[in-house]
Amino acid sequence: MNAEKLPYLLIVEDDRALQKQLRWAFDQYETVTADDRESALAQIRRYQPPVVTMDLGLPPDADSVSEGFRLLEEILNLAPETKVIVLTGQNDRANALRAIALGAYDFFAKPFEVDMLGLTIQRAYRLHELQRENKRLQSMHQPDVLSGLITRDPELLRVCRTIERVAVTDATVLLLGESGTGKELLARAVHDASPRRRERFVAINCAAIPDNLLESELFGYEKGAFTGAARTTPGKIETANNGTLMLDEIGDLPHALQAKLLRFLQERVIERIGGRQEIYVNVRIVCATHQNLKALIAENRFREDLYYRLAEIVVNIPPLRERSGDATLLAHVFVRRFAEDQGRGTMTLREDALKAIESHSWPGNVRELENYIKRAVIMAEGNQITADDVGLPSTRDSDNAVILDLRRARDDAERRVIITALARADGNVVKAAELIGVSRPTLYDLMHRFGLK
């Protein structure tokens, strides 16, 4: 078997002789070793091994199991799918049971039979592969509700995972982010991934409707409730019954309506304007705003009790300027989309255009980028879009806080370079490898290391 294709096995053992014995016994794997907690975590981050064998007694106090249990918890937090097989010289059933309770796959007491440990390691790898295949098959049968969101940024990917987890619940979600970051896209994803997906998704912008009309838009009105009320009309809340209601720009909701909305969230009943009958409504609420709601609370412009009703799950969406490589990645997508819409054929971004896009701070985020690219596609004379076609000033402030952790700084720098190269090369791995001066296999290894697809 090619050594490059061998699965990784991490051996955490401070006894060098036993460490060497284990490496020799399990040469069918690509074994990596560590002799303390810090080096073990570094190996986990670097190689992401499916299976780990670890001694509970680790430095600085090898006679105690405290360091081993601490490492076990950190491994399972860092890589939950990793199968950890605990080895202990304590021959202590209580510690073994505690390790299993924390999430260890299995345990062996020293001295152990290498053949038996080998069989357990094989089963652990098999289970790991089966779980990965199960997830892959599940993803094939489930619609990708976030397919409209394009990113390689780790922070936004974490946001996507959060959306996927909370969507299946009925928790109220509060989306916080600057204008143009994709709050409505994420709100729709919450709905589309929820059990309510077959019901209506209703959105209302609280800042776009005059205060005197917003109440009737939200709660509806009875015939004759006011001049012009020619017929009974249900509001947005009632219309979204059994579905999802998005309250966009919730920070602009008038103070008088905040109390009425709070009552609905507590009681789940509404009364139409001019009506006396309470109407029960079963609806999932998703809110969004670009404002700092806690600052509005301090200024008595937003009710604190309403905030805590809305903020069951708070999702902070990073702005485009903080998403490494996403601006050029999205620019390529928009060029293809608008070139097709405008009948311009195949169009590409020239190097100077890519540099201008990378250096801009994008205060309007994705919406601003989309507008600039659409204009550039229309204005470009040929099939190559130049920096002049895009029309951006280079005013980006590139000052960043210094990271004093050298390993983390190196990893962050490498990740940013790879993401930027992939975005500039429009996902072409060969071109990206040429840009950063490495071989294609090396780039694939780096992409795997940083979890980039």
Foldseek 3Di string as FASTA:
>chain_A
DDLVPFAEEEEAAQPVVVVVVLCVLPVSHNYDYHQFLVVSVVCCLQRVGQEYEHEQQGPPGSVDSVRVVVSLLVSCVVRVRRAYEYEYQVPDVVVQVVSVVSPHNYYDYPPDDSVVVVVVVVVSVVVSVVVVVVVVVVPVVADDLLVVDDAQFPQVVVLVVVLLVCLQDLAFEEEEEAAQLCQVSSVLSSQCNYPLVVADEEEDEQVVDDLVCVLCQAAWAAQPLDPPSNHGDGHRQQRQASGEYEYEAVLNHFPVVLVQVLVCLVPQWGAHRVGDDTDHGHYRYYYYHHDDVVVCVVVVRHDPSSCVSNVPDYRYRDFQLPRQLVQLLVLLVLLVVLCVVVVVPAAEEDPQLLVLSNQDNPSNGPVLSSVLSNQLSVPDPHRYGHNVSSPHDRDHDPDDDDDPPVVVVVLVVVVSLLSNLCSNVNNDLCSSCVVVVHHSVVSVSNCVSVVHD
